[in-house]
Every structure is written in C-alpha cells, then in structure tokens.
C-alpha cells in the first residue's frame, strides 16, 4: 500500500487544519487508516484511526478537538483538526493496516508538518 498525505502547514493557536491521505494498493491493507505524529524530540504517538466499518479511536489529547472520517467508497481518510494548540506541533504520518491494533505494523506515508504558533 502506498500512502500520500496532503494538508498541514502553519496556523495560529485556536485555528484549524485538515489533513487528507489517499491510499493505493491492497484493500485488506486499508481496512484501518489513520494518523501518528512525532513532535520535535518526542517519540512517535498515535493520534486517531478509523476502520471501514466506522469504528474510531482517538488519543486522549485530541479527543473532542480532532475528527477523523473516511469515505468507504475510497481508501482515503481525513483528519479535521480544530482548536489547535502549540503542543499539536508535529510531523503527522498517515498509516494504514488491517486492524486498528496492528495499524502501526502496516504501511506508512511520508510525514506532513503541522506547526501551531502561540
């Protein structure tokens, strides 16, 4: 599976950004899709995931501010990020796999940078 991410950029605190990711390749490899992020000097951490059946998972740090969605007609996923804070600054990576639990063992896209200024 190949993943291509779009979006990202620089935004002021309190603002919004939308990330998109499109996949090509195996259908089984895109049952679960979502995002990890890595802030400067920090470990990579999960952000949000969604399956073809609509099941979702969010990190506590983003729940209520971020919304993940997908069109089940396409192997693609969007992440709407609202009320962004400086601590959301990171490189965001699109991922896909067969389950949410094992998505980090699947395919990874190139990162897209999000910078939130205070």
C-alpha atoms as a PDB file:
ATOM      1  CA  UNK A   1       0.000   0.000   0.000  1.00  0.00           C
ATOM      2  CA  UNK A   2       1.245   3.451  -0.903  1.00  0.00           C
ATOM      3  CA  UNK A   3       0.012   6.434   1.062  1.00  0.00           C
ATOM      4  CA  UNK A   4       0.047  10.067   0.029  1.00  0.00           C
ATOM      5  CA  UNK A   5      -0.767  12.753   2.559  1.00  0.00           C
ATOM      6  CA  UNK A   6      -1.979  16.290   1.901  1.00  0.00           C
ATOM      7  CA  UNK A   7      -2.544  19.322   4.082  1.00  0.00           C
ATOM      8  CA  UNK A   8      -0.560  20.545   7.006  1.00  0.00           C
ATOM      9  CA  UNK A   9       1.022  23.951   7.331  1.00  0.00           C
ATOM     10  CA  UNK A  10       1.295  26.762   9.827  1.00  0.00           C
ATOM     11  CA  UNK A  11      -1.636  28.004  11.878  1.00  0.00           C
ATOM     12  CA  UNK A  12      -2.135  30.140  14.944  1.00  0.00           C
ATOM     13  CA  UNK A  13      -3.298  28.620  18.216  1.00  0.00           C
ATOM     14  CA  UNK A  14      -7.041  28.112  18.170  1.00  0.00           C
ATOM     15  CA  UNK A  15      -7.095  27.625  14.435  1.00  0.00           C
ATOM     16  CA  UNK A  16      -7.939  24.613  12.279  1.00  0.00           C
ATOM     17  CA  UNK A  17      -6.266  22.456   9.672  1.00  0.00           C
ATOM     18  CA  UNK A  18      -7.353  19.463   7.658  1.00  0.00           C
ATOM     19  CA  UNK A  19      -5.106  16.568   6.694  1.00  0.00           C
ATOM     20  CA  UNK A  20      -6.009  14.111   3.968  1.00  0.00           C
ATOM     21  CA  UNK A  21      -4.466  10.820   2.973  1.00  0.00           C
ATOM     22  CA  UNK A  22      -5.120   8.671  -0.071  1.00  0.00           C
ATOM     23  CA  UNK A  23      -4.028   5.053  -0.393  1.00  0.00           C
ATOM     24  CA  UNK A  24      -3.389   2.824  -3.356  1.00  0.00           C
ATOM     25  CA  UNK A  25      -2.843  -0.906  -3.271  1.00  0.00           C
ATOM     26  CA  UNK A  26      -4.334  -3.774  -1.291  1.00  0.00           C
ATOM     27  CA  UNK A  27      -7.888  -3.352   0.044  1.00  0.00           C
ATOM     28  CA  UNK A  28      -7.033  -5.523   3.047  1.00  0.00           C
ATOM     29  CA  UNK A  29      -4.215  -3.151   3.871  1.00  0.00           C
ATOM     30  CA  UNK A  30      -6.528  -0.178   4.195  1.00  0.00           C
ATOM     31  CA  UNK A  31      -9.223  -1.557   6.496  1.00  0.00           C
ATOM     32  CA  UNK A  32      -7.825   0.665   9.226  1.00  0.00           C
ATOM     33  CA  UNK A  33      -6.384   4.073   8.419  1.00  0.00           C
ATOM     34  CA  UNK A  34      -5.290   6.995  10.492  1.00  0.00           C
ATOM     35  CA  UNK A  35      -2.514   9.154  11.795  1.00  0.00           C
ATOM     36  CA  UNK A  36       0.518   9.103  14.047  1.00  0.00           C
ATOM     37  CA  UNK A  37       2.511  12.184  14.930  1.00  0.00           C
ATOM     38  CA  UNK A  38       6.008  12.951  16.151  1.00  0.00           C
ATOM     39  CA  UNK A  39       6.833  16.206  17.869  1.00  0.00           C
ATOM     40  CA  UNK A  40      10.421  17.500  17.957  1.00  0.00           C
ATOM     41  CA  UNK A  41      12.438  15.495  20.445  1.00  0.00           C
ATOM     42  CA  UNK A  42       9.481  13.239  21.237  1.00  0.00           C
ATOM     43  CA  UNK A  43       8.513   9.680  20.427  1.00  0.00           C
ATOM     44  CA  UNK A  44       6.018   8.962  17.721  1.00  0.00           C
ATOM     45  CA  UNK A  45       2.493   8.698  19.129  1.00  0.00           C
ATOM     46  CA  UNK A  46      -0.895   7.582  17.795  1.00  0.00           C
ATOM     47  CA  UNK A  47      -3.451  10.305  17.077  1.00  0.00           C
ATOM     48  CA  UNK A  48      -6.608   8.857  15.542  1.00  0.00           C
ATOM     49  CA  UNK A  49      -7.764   5.882  13.497  1.00  0.00           C
ATOM     50  CA  UNK A  50     -10.871   4.727  11.674  1.00  0.00           C
ATOM     51  CA  UNK A  51     -11.932   1.459  10.085  1.00  0.00           C
ATOM     52  CA  UNK A  52     -14.099   0.722   7.070  1.00  0.00           C
ATOM     53  CA  UNK A  53     -16.919  -0.145   9.499  1.00  0.00           C
ATOM     54  CA  UNK A  54     -16.684   3.294  11.086  1.00  0.00           C
ATOM     55  CA  UNK A  55     -15.016   2.310  14.347  1.00  0.00           C
ATOM     56  CA  UNK A  56     -12.781   5.097  15.618  1.00  0.00           C
ATOM     57  CA  UNK A  57     -10.029   5.590  18.185  1.00  0.00           C
ATOM     58  CA  UNK A  58      -8.655   8.896  19.432  1.00  0.00           C
ATOM     59  CA  UNK A  59      -5.784   9.801  21.690  1.00  0.00           C
ATOM     60  CA  UNK A  60      -6.985  11.499  24.870  1.00  0.00           C
ATOM     61  CA  UNK A  61      -5.006  14.594  23.943  1.00  0.00           C
ATOM     62  CA  UNK A  62      -7.039  15.187  20.769  1.00  0.00           C
ATOM     63  CA  UNK A  63     -10.465  13.735  21.601  1.00  0.00           C
ATOM     64  CA  UNK A  64     -13.130  16.401  21.183  1.00  0.00           C
ATOM     65  CA  UNK A  65     -10.881  18.597  19.039  1.00  0.00           C
ATOM     66  CA  UNK A  66      -9.955  16.306  16.135  1.00  0.00           C
ATOM     67  CA  UNK A  67     -12.347  14.384  13.904  1.00  0.00           C
ATOM     68  CA  UNK A  68     -11.386  11.516  11.624  1.00  0.00           C
ATOM     69  CA  UNK A  69     -13.537  10.439   8.711  1.00  0.00           C
ATOM     70  CA  UNK A  70     -13.380   8.329   5.597  1.00  0.00           C
ATOM     71  CA  UNK A  71     -15.439   7.671   2.510  1.00  0.00           C
ATOM     72  CA  UNK A  72     -15.891   3.927   2.352  1.00  0.00           C
ATOM     73  CA  UNK A  73     -16.042   4.157  -1.390  1.00  0.00           C
ATOM     74  CA  UNK A  74     -12.384   5.151  -1.395  1.00  0.00           C
ATOM     75  CA  UNK A  75      -9.258   4.150   0.527  1.00  0.00           C
ATOM     76  CA  UNK A  76      -8.806   7.644   1.906  1.00  0.00           C
ATOM     77  CA  UNK A  77      -9.023   9.335   5.272  1.00  0.00           C
ATOM     78  CA  UNK A  78      -9.350  12.908   6.506  1.00  0.00           C
ATOM     79  CA  UNK A  79      -8.360  14.394   9.846  1.00  0.00           C
ATOM     80  CA  UNK A  80     -10.070  17.640  10.780  1.00  0.00           C
ATOM     81  CA  UNK A  81      -8.043  19.358  13.484  1.00  0.00           C
ATOM     82  CA  UNK A  82      -9.772  22.130  15.431  1.00  0.00           C
ATOM     83  CA  UNK A  83      -8.739  24.241  18.401  1.00  0.00           C
ATOM     84  CA  UNK A  84      -5.119  23.550  17.591  1.00  0.00           C
ATOM     85  CA  UNK A  85      -2.556  24.217  20.301  1.00  0.00           C
ATOM     86  CA  UNK A  86       1.235  24.627  20.168  1.00  0.00           C
ATOM     87  CA  UNK A  87       1.582  21.120  21.613  1.00  0.00           C
ATOM     88  CA  UNK A  88      -0.053  19.773  18.457  1.00  0.00           C
ATOM     89  CA  UNK A  89       3.018  20.877  16.505  1.00  0.00           C
ATOM     90  CA  UNK A  90       4.478  17.740  14.952  1.00  0.00           C
ATOM     91  CA  UNK A  91       5.085  15.801  11.807  1.00  0.00           C
ATOM     92  CA  UNK A  92       1.923  13.816  11.068  1.00  0.00           C
ATOM     93  CA  UNK A  93       2.171  10.411   9.390  1.00  0.00           C
ATOM     94  CA  UNK A  94      -0.649   8.642   7.603  1.00  0.00           C
ATOM     95  CA  UNK A  95      -0.813   4.908   8.301  1.00  0.00           C
ATOM     96  CA  UNK A  96      -2.922   2.008   7.100  1.00  0.00           C
ATOM     97  CA  UNK A  97      -3.316  -1.620   8.074  1.00  0.00           C
ATOM     98  CA  UNK A  98      -5.727  -4.466   8.582  1.00  0.00           C
ATOM     99  CA  UNK A  99      -6.819  -3.503  12.118  1.00  0.00           C
ATOM    100  CA  UNK A 100      -6.504  -0.504  14.429  1.00  0.00           C
ATOM    101  CA  UNK A 101      -4.491  -2.620  16.859  1.00  0.00           C
ATOM    102  CA  UNK A 102      -1.912  -3.524  14.224  1.00  0.00           C
ATOM    103  CA  UNK A 103      -2.017  -0.424  12.020  1.00  0.00           C
ATOM    104  CA  UNK A 104       1.469   0.614  13.116  1.00  0.00           C
ATOM    105  CA  UNK A 105       2.765  -2.596  11.501  1.00  0.00           C
ATOM    106  CA  UNK A 106       1.201  -1.691   8.180  1.00  0.00           C
ATOM    107  CA  UNK A 107       2.069   0.976   5.661  1.00  0.00           C
ATOM    108  CA  UNK A 108       3.371   4.442   6.438  1.00  0.00           C
ATOM    109  CA  UNK A 109       3.268   7.554   4.332  1.00  0.00           C
ATOM    110  CA  UNK A 110       5.720  10.401   4.298  1.00  0.00           C
ATOM    111  CA  UNK A 111       5.065  12.887   7.055  1.00  0.00           C
ATOM    112  CA  UNK A 112       3.379  16.226   6.662  1.00  0.00           C
ATOM    113  CA  UNK A 113       4.342  19.018   9.006  1.00  0.00           C
ATOM    114  CA  UNK A 114       1.904  20.897  11.236  1.00  0.00           C
ATOM    115  CA  UNK A 115       3.115  23.959  13.106  1.00  0.00           C
ATOM    116  CA  UNK A 116       0.904  25.775  15.598  1.00  0.00           C
ATOM    117  CA  UNK A 117       2.177  29.145  16.706  1.00  0.00           C
ATOM    118  CA  UNK A 118       1.214  30.692  20.037  1.00  0.00           C
END
